[in-house]
Amino acid sequence: MIEKSLAKRGFIVVQKDENILIVKIKSAIIELALSDFGDNKEKFYLHQYLESPNGLSYRMQLKIFKKHEHHSIEKYFILQKIEKVKEFIEQNNLSFYEIAYQVGYRSPQHLSSQFREHVGVTMLKYRIDRMKKRKFIDTI
């Protein structure tokens, strides 16, 4: 009864250890995607970021995540960053180079190709057409 009431409000009751791990991984990735990469000059590895807080090897986390979410942790991270990019584009106060730098891409070309692959339009078209097709980060 309580679970149905929570579900109507958009919440879920996490019961299995694997589901708890998925929630932890998603929370860590969302937090990371929302952080500012602009000042982080060090080479970044997602697997190192996720291994310590969850206590499991990255390989094991990847296997569990893929089983439940049907895509990789890396793809989930990319999708979260793409949503952050959309937010920056909609604010219209940064160049594409600055946006790429802020979300941790080494080049605007790499960001541009991933954006087009996942959104279906170029970043310029997204900006010009004033598209507002962002997703809630917890629905990705």
Foldseek 3Di string as FASTA:
>chain_A
DVQVVVVVVPDHDDDDPLSVLLVVLLVQLLVLQPAWQLVVPDDDDPQVSPCPPVVDHSVVNQVSNCVPVVDGSVVLSLLSNLLVLLVVLLVVPDDLQVSCSGRPHPGSVVNQVSNCVPVVDGSVCCNVVVDDPHDDSVVD
